[in-house]
Amino acid sequence: MVKTGSYYLLHIGVASMVAYTVTGSWIQALTLSLLEPTVQMVFFYLHEKLWERRTQRRQQTVSAA
């Protein structure tokens, strides 16, 4: 958990620096750097659910054959 937390902070720091370089605004940079990982997390969850559904369908097809 500590490793995950430190990686999250590193990601936020790097994303903030990149966003600040692009926007020139710390408020926009912090907003973007916090928003991006949150959106990524949601899409990762959806991706995992779809992937699991696909895997189950394939297993059912193999089992039926």
Protein backbone atom coordinates (compact mmCIF):
# COMPACT_ATOMS: atom_id res chain seq x y z
CA MET A 1 0.00 0.00 0.00
CA VAL A 2 2.88 2.36 0.73
CA LYS A 3 4.38 1.67 -2.70
CA THR A 4 1.00 2.38 -4.35
CA GLY A 5 0.66 5.62 -2.40
CA SER A 6 4.15 6.77 -3.30
CA TYR A 7 3.54 5.99 -6.98
CA TYR A 8 0.26 7.94 -6.87
CA LEU A 9 2.06 10.97 -5.41
CA LEU A 10 4.83 10.66 -7.99
CA HIS A 11 2.23 10.48 -10.76
CA ILE A 12 0.42 13.56 -9.44
CA GLY A 13 3.73 15.44 -9.20
CA VAL A 14 4.81 14.61 -12.74
CA ALA A 15 1.35 15.28 -14.15
CA SER A 16 1.24 18.63 -12.32
CA MET A 17 4.57 19.70 -13.78
CA VAL A 18 3.54 18.70 -17.30
CA ALA A 19 0.14 20.38 -16.97
CA TYR A 20 1.74 23.54 -15.56
CA THR A 21 4.20 23.62 -18.46
CA VAL A 22 1.30 23.42 -20.91
CA THR A 23 -1.18 25.73 -19.15
CA GLY A 24 1.00 28.12 -17.14
CA SER A 25 -1.54 27.92 -14.31
CA TRP A 26 -1.03 25.99 -11.07
CA ILE A 27 -4.77 25.77 -10.45
CA GLN A 28 -5.41 24.25 -13.86
CA ALA A 29 -2.35 22.02 -13.47
CA LEU A 30 -3.50 20.63 -10.11
CA THR A 31 -7.05 20.19 -11.39
CA LEU A 32 -5.85 18.25 -14.43
CA SER A 33 -3.36 16.18 -12.46
CA LEU A 34 -6.04 15.10 -9.97
CA LEU A 35 -8.74 14.62 -12.60
CA GLU A 36 -6.72 12.42 -14.94
CA PRO A 37 -5.93 9.58 -12.49
CA THR A 38 -9.54 9.59 -11.30
CA VAL A 39 -10.84 9.21 -14.86
CA GLN A 40 -8.18 6.56 -15.54
CA MET A 41 -9.33 4.62 -12.48
CA VAL A 42 -12.95 4.60 -13.65
CA PHE A 43 -12.02 3.47 -17.15
CA PHE A 44 -9.65 0.83 -15.78
CA TYR A 45 -12.51 -0.58 -13.72
CA LEU A 46 -14.82 -0.63 -16.75
CA HIS A 47 -12.10 -2.23 -18.86
CA GLU A 48 -11.59 -4.96 -16.27
CA LYS A 49 -15.32 -5.69 -16.12
CA LEU A 50 -15.55 -5.94 -19.92
CA TRP A 51 -12.42 -8.08 -20.09
CA GLU A 52 -13.77 -10.45 -17.45
CA ARG A 53 -17.09 -10.74 -19.33
CA ARG A 54 -15.17 -11.54 -22.52
CA THR A 55 -13.12 -14.19 -20.73
CA GLN A 56 -16.23 -15.81 -19.29
CA ARG A 57 -17.91 -15.92 -22.71
CA ARG A 58 -14.85 -17.56 -24.24
CA GLN A 59 -14.75 -20.16 -21.46
CA GLN A 60 -18.45 -20.90 -21.98
CA THR A 61 -17.86 -21.34 -25.72
CA VAL A 62 -14.96 -23.73 -25.11
CA SER A 63 -16.96 -25.66 -22.50
CA ALA A 64 -19.95 -26.01 -24.85
CA ALA A 65 -17.83 -27.39 -27.67
